[in-house]
Every structure is written in structure tokens, then in C-alpha cells.
Amino acid sequence: MSQAFFVQLAASLAAVAALVALAAWAKIAKPMPPLTEARARTLLQQEFPGRPLDRIWTAVDGRGALARSGAAALVLCEVGDGYVARHIPWAQAVASSFRDGVLRLDLSDVAAPAARLALLNWPPSPGPDARAA
């Protein structure tokens, strides 16, 4: 084998090592902390400014949240290393499929076609603060 081969091999190894070090330094694919109700409220208020939040349901596993805002349901779901915020009609959220503790919301969006939220129960029982849908 020639000297050029070893030079090229060493340069390739150095480039790969530099990329691995950059990925480790940038903390790519770091796990996100579970979503809390306070953080969900903050994210929803940033995404939908001026919309009042009647009630928030946070997923048991901390990977999403659902909020009622009048006749709309505001949905936060984990996608990649962040959250996607979408809104759907409240009636659609109440009628969504709930099996084995997972609520499946059809978002009808190419980027986020469905949201899956692990909730304790669904649909919510009407309470004193609930409005008619």
C-alpha cells in the first residue's frame, strides 16, 4: 500500500472523529424533560397568543398535552426534539379514539398527521368550570 493511501485513511479518520466530537459537544438527540402543566401552558400561550386556556390535560408520560380554549382543542405533541402545536375543533377531540389509555387525535396535517397522548381517562367529565361544547 502506498503512502497516499495511509494519508487519505488518516485524514478520513480525523474527519470522522471531528464529526463525532461535534455531535457529542452539540448534544444532538438529547432527551427532553417530561412536559409539565406549567411548561405546556407556557408553550401554548407562545404558540396561540391571546387565546384563553380553559383547562389543560398533560399526558401521563409527559410527551404531550391537550388544552381546551372555547370551542377549540389546542394540542401539543412531541415530534423529534421539540413540540408541535396544532388546533382542532373541541368536538373532534372529545369524539377521538381512546383505547388502552391512549387518546389518538387526527390532526390532518402532513407534518404531524396524528397525536397520541397517554391520558388517565377520556372524554373529560363535565365539571363546574366546563362549558357546553
C-alpha atoms as a PDB file:
ATOM      1  CA  MET A   1       0.000   0.000   0.000  1.00  0.00           C
ATOM      2  CA  SER A   2       1.178   3.432  -0.846  1.00  0.00           C
ATOM      3  CA  GLN A   3       1.870   6.357   1.395  1.00  0.00           C
ATOM      4  CA  ALA A   4      -1.036   8.302  -0.213  1.00  0.00           C
ATOM      5  CA  PHE A   5      -3.468   5.603   0.931  1.00  0.00           C
ATOM      6  CA  PHE A   6      -2.354   5.964   4.553  1.00  0.00           C
ATOM      7  CA  VAL A   7      -2.524   9.760   4.370  1.00  0.00           C
ATOM      8  CA  GLN A   8      -6.077   9.563   2.994  1.00  0.00           C
ATOM      9  CA  LEU A   9      -7.059   6.986   5.638  1.00  0.00           C
ATOM     10  CA  ALA A  10      -5.660   9.157   8.442  1.00  0.00           C
ATOM     11  CA  ALA A  11      -7.460  12.239   7.103  1.00  0.00           C
ATOM     12  CA  SER A  12     -10.745  10.306   6.898  1.00  0.00           C
ATOM     13  CA  LEU A  13     -10.346   9.011  10.464  1.00  0.00           C
ATOM     14  CA  ALA A  14      -9.611  12.542  11.689  1.00  0.00           C
ATOM     15  CA  ALA A  15     -12.707  13.892   9.886  1.00  0.00           C
ATOM     16  CA  VAL A  16     -14.946  11.192  11.360  1.00  0.00           C
ATOM     17  CA  ALA A  17     -13.520  11.808  14.832  1.00  0.00           C
ATOM     18  CA  ALA A  18     -14.161  15.546  14.444  1.00  0.00           C
ATOM     19  CA  LEU A  19     -17.786  14.908  13.443  1.00  0.00           C
ATOM     20  CA  VAL A  20     -18.337  12.566  16.378  1.00  0.00           C
ATOM     21  CA  ALA A  21     -16.832  15.143  18.738  1.00  0.00           C
ATOM     22  CA  LEU A  22     -19.055  17.875  17.262  1.00  0.00           C
ATOM     23  CA  ALA A  23     -22.171  15.726  17.710  1.00  0.00           C
ATOM     24  CA  ALA A  24     -21.221  14.972  21.326  1.00  0.00           C
ATOM     25  CA  TRP A  25     -20.482  18.626  22.017  1.00  0.00           C
ATOM     26  CA  ALA A  26     -23.777  19.792  20.455  1.00  0.00           C
ATOM     27  CA  LYS A  27     -25.681  17.158  22.457  1.00  0.00           C
ATOM     28  CA  ILE A  28     -27.648  16.135  19.414  1.00  0.00           C
ATOM     29  CA  ALA A  29     -30.628  13.909  20.256  1.00  0.00           C
ATOM     30  CA  LYS A  30     -30.585  14.801  23.916  1.00  0.00           C
ATOM     31  CA  PRO A  31     -33.669  13.598  25.773  1.00  0.00           C
ATOM     32  CA  MET A  32     -36.253  16.226  26.642  1.00  0.00           C
ATOM     33  CA  PRO A  33     -37.577  16.546  30.171  1.00  0.00           C
ATOM     34  CA  PRO A  34     -41.203  15.463  30.630  1.00  0.00           C
ATOM     35  CA  LEU A  35     -43.778  18.125  29.822  1.00  0.00           C
ATOM     36  CA  THR A  36     -45.395  19.658  32.895  1.00  0.00           C
ATOM     37  CA  GLU A  37     -48.664  21.557  33.009  1.00  0.00           C
ATOM     38  CA  ALA A  38     -46.812  24.830  33.607  1.00  0.00           C
ATOM     39  CA  ARG A  39     -44.493  24.278  30.638  1.00  0.00           C
ATOM     40  CA  ALA A  40     -47.422  23.187  28.449  1.00  0.00           C
ATOM     41  CA  ARG A  41     -49.279  26.374  29.403  1.00  0.00           C
ATOM     42  CA  THR A  42     -46.217  28.473  28.507  1.00  0.00           C
ATOM     43  CA  LEU A  43     -45.720  26.751  25.139  1.00  0.00           C
ATOM     44  CA  LEU A  44     -49.408  27.024  24.242  1.00  0.00           C
ATOM     45  CA  GLN A  45     -49.508  30.713  25.172  1.00  0.00           C
ATOM     46  CA  GLN A  46     -46.449  31.334  22.998  1.00  0.00           C
ATOM     47  CA  GLU A  47     -47.964  29.451  20.065  1.00  0.00           C
ATOM     48  CA  PHE A  48     -51.515  30.777  20.450  1.00  0.00           C
ATOM     49  CA  PRO A  49     -51.162  34.261  21.983  1.00  0.00           C
ATOM     50  CA  GLY A  50     -54.338  35.794  23.336  1.00  0.00           C
ATOM     51  CA  ARG A  51     -56.290  32.529  23.455  1.00  0.00           C
ATOM     52  CA  PRO A  52     -57.646  31.745  26.902  1.00  0.00           C
ATOM     53  CA  LEU A  53     -56.909  28.253  28.195  1.00  0.00           C
ATOM     54  CA  ASP A  54     -59.947  26.812  29.980  1.00  0.00           C
ATOM     55  CA  ARG A  55     -58.265  23.589  31.078  1.00  0.00           C
ATOM     56  CA  ILE A  56     -55.097  21.590  30.316  1.00  0.00           C
ATOM     57  CA  TRP A  57     -54.629  17.813  30.319  1.00  0.00           C
ATOM     58  CA  THR A  58     -50.988  16.745  30.356  1.00  0.00           C
ATOM     59  CA  ALA A  59     -50.046  13.279  29.129  1.00  0.00           C
ATOM     60  CA  VAL A  60     -49.068  10.825  31.843  1.00  0.00           C
ATOM     61  CA  ASP A  61     -45.720  10.165  30.132  1.00  0.00           C
ATOM     62  CA  GLY A  62     -45.031  13.908  29.679  1.00  0.00           C
ATOM     63  CA  ARG A  63     -44.882  13.681  25.890  1.00  0.00           C
ATOM     64  CA  GLY A  64     -47.788  15.977  25.075  1.00  0.00           C
ATOM     65  CA  ALA A  65     -50.747  17.980  26.287  1.00  0.00           C
ATOM     66  CA  LEU A  66     -54.263  18.943  25.288  1.00  0.00           C
ATOM     67  CA  ALA A  67     -55.959  22.192  26.246  1.00  0.00           C
ATOM     68  CA  ARG A  68     -59.470  23.466  25.779  1.00  0.00           C
ATOM     69  CA  SER A  69     -59.841  27.018  24.541  1.00  0.00           C
ATOM     70  CA  GLY A  70     -63.523  27.712  23.984  1.00  0.00           C
ATOM     71  CA  ALA A  71     -64.687  25.634  21.018  1.00  0.00           C
ATOM     72  CA  ALA A  72     -61.120  24.634  20.085  1.00  0.00           C
ATOM     73  CA  ALA A  73     -58.734  21.993  21.336  1.00  0.00           C
ATOM     74  CA  LEU A  74     -55.084  23.038  21.385  1.00  0.00           C
ATOM     75  CA  VAL A  75     -52.735  20.080  21.037  1.00  0.00           C
ATOM     76  CA  LEU A  76     -49.046  19.824  21.935  1.00  0.00           C
ATOM     77  CA  CYS A  77     -47.280  16.646  20.875  1.00  0.00           C
ATOM     78  CA  GLU A  78     -43.644  15.637  20.878  1.00  0.00           C
ATOM     79  CA  VAL A  79     -42.063  15.407  17.433  1.00  0.00           C
ATOM     80  CA  GLY A  80     -38.323  14.846  17.204  1.00  0.00           C
ATOM     81  CA  ASP A  81     -36.561  17.062  19.740  1.00  0.00           C
ATOM     82  CA  GLY A  82     -39.392  19.579  20.144  1.00  0.00           C
ATOM     83  CA  TYR A  83     -43.134  20.011  20.341  1.00  0.00           C
ATOM     84  CA  VAL A  84     -45.670  20.649  17.614  1.00  0.00           C
ATOM     85  CA  ALA A  85     -48.712  22.777  18.402  1.00  0.00           C
ATOM     86  CA  ARG A  86     -51.954  22.325  16.446  1.00  0.00           C
ATOM     87  CA  HIS A  87     -55.594  23.202  16.962  1.00  0.00           C
ATOM     88  CA  ILE A  88     -58.687  21.178  16.139  1.00  0.00           C
ATOM     89  CA  PRO A  89     -62.377  21.579  16.999  1.00  0.00           C
ATOM     90  CA  TRP A  90     -63.206  20.597  20.584  1.00  0.00           C
ATOM     91  CA  ALA A  91     -65.988  18.271  19.396  1.00  0.00           C
ATOM     92  CA  GLN A  92     -63.427  16.356  17.318  1.00  0.00           C
ATOM     93  CA  ALA A  93     -61.135  15.988  20.341  1.00  0.00           C
ATOM     94  CA  VAL A  94     -63.953  14.686  22.540  1.00  0.00           C
ATOM     95  CA  ALA A  95     -65.001  12.175  19.860  1.00  0.00           C
ATOM     96  CA  SER A  96     -61.446  10.922  19.248  1.00  0.00           C
ATOM     97  CA  SER A  97     -60.465   7.308  19.786  1.00  0.00           C
ATOM     98  CA  PHE A  98     -59.391   6.418  23.339  1.00  0.00           C
ATOM     99  CA  ARG A  99     -58.043   2.886  23.801  1.00  0.00           C
ATOM    100  CA  ASP A 100     -55.700   1.385  26.378  1.00  0.00           C
ATOM    101  CA  GLY A 101     -55.088   4.779  27.958  1.00  0.00           C
ATOM    102  CA  VAL A 102     -54.031   6.462  24.704  1.00  0.00           C
ATOM    103  CA  LEU A 103     -56.012   9.230  23.029  1.00  0.00           C
ATOM    104  CA  ARG A 104     -55.438   9.357  19.271  1.00  0.00           C
ATOM    105  CA  LEU A 105     -56.173  12.756  17.742  1.00  0.00           C
ATOM    106  CA  ASP A 106     -56.352  13.088  13.953  1.00  0.00           C
ATOM    107  CA  LEU A 107     -54.630  16.381  13.146  1.00  0.00           C
ATOM    108  CA  SER A 108     -54.996  16.121   9.336  1.00  0.00           C
ATOM    109  CA  ASP A 109     -51.568  17.665   8.848  1.00  0.00           C
ATOM    110  CA  VAL A 110     -48.758  16.356   6.661  1.00  0.00           C
ATOM    111  CA  ALA A 111     -46.074  17.352   9.177  1.00  0.00           C
ATOM    112  CA  ALA A 112     -47.951  15.914  12.180  1.00  0.00           C
ATOM    113  CA  PRO A 113     -50.778  13.638  10.990  1.00  0.00           C
ATOM    114  CA  ALA A 114     -51.812  12.368  14.418  1.00  0.00           C
ATOM    115  CA  ALA A 115     -51.133  12.997  18.070  1.00  0.00           C
ATOM    116  CA  ARG A 116     -51.065  10.192  20.623  1.00  0.00           C
ATOM    117  CA  LEU A 117     -51.492  11.287  24.223  1.00  0.00           C
ATOM    118  CA  ALA A 118     -51.369   8.907  27.193  1.00  0.00           C
ATOM    119  CA  LEU A 119     -54.173  10.113  29.480  1.00  0.00           C
ATOM    120  CA  LEU A 120     -55.782   8.575  32.530  1.00  0.00           C
ATOM    121  CA  ASN A 121     -59.318   8.902  31.130  1.00  0.00           C
ATOM    122  CA  TRP A 122     -61.192  10.464  28.234  1.00  0.00           C
ATOM    123  CA  PRO A 123     -63.529  12.212  27.491  1.00  0.00           C
ATOM    124  CA  PRO A 124     -63.408  14.555  30.447  1.00  0.00           C
ATOM    125  CA  SER A 125     -66.395  14.636  32.722  1.00  0.00           C
ATOM    126  CA  PRO A 126     -68.199  17.959  32.684  1.00  0.00           C
ATOM    127  CA  GLY A 127     -67.261  19.864  35.802  1.00  0.00           C
ATOM    128  CA  PRO A 128     -68.385  23.162  37.226  1.00  0.00           C
ATOM    129  CA  ASP A 129     -65.875  25.051  35.046  1.00  0.00           C
ATOM    130  CA  ALA A 130     -66.698  23.168  31.824  1.00  0.00           C
ATOM    131  CA  ARG A 131     -68.654  24.887  29.103  1.00  0.00           C
ATOM    132  CA  ALA A 132     -71.016  23.143  26.702  1.00  0.00           C
ATOM    133  CA  ALA A 133     -69.266  22.058  23.525  1.00  0.00           C
END
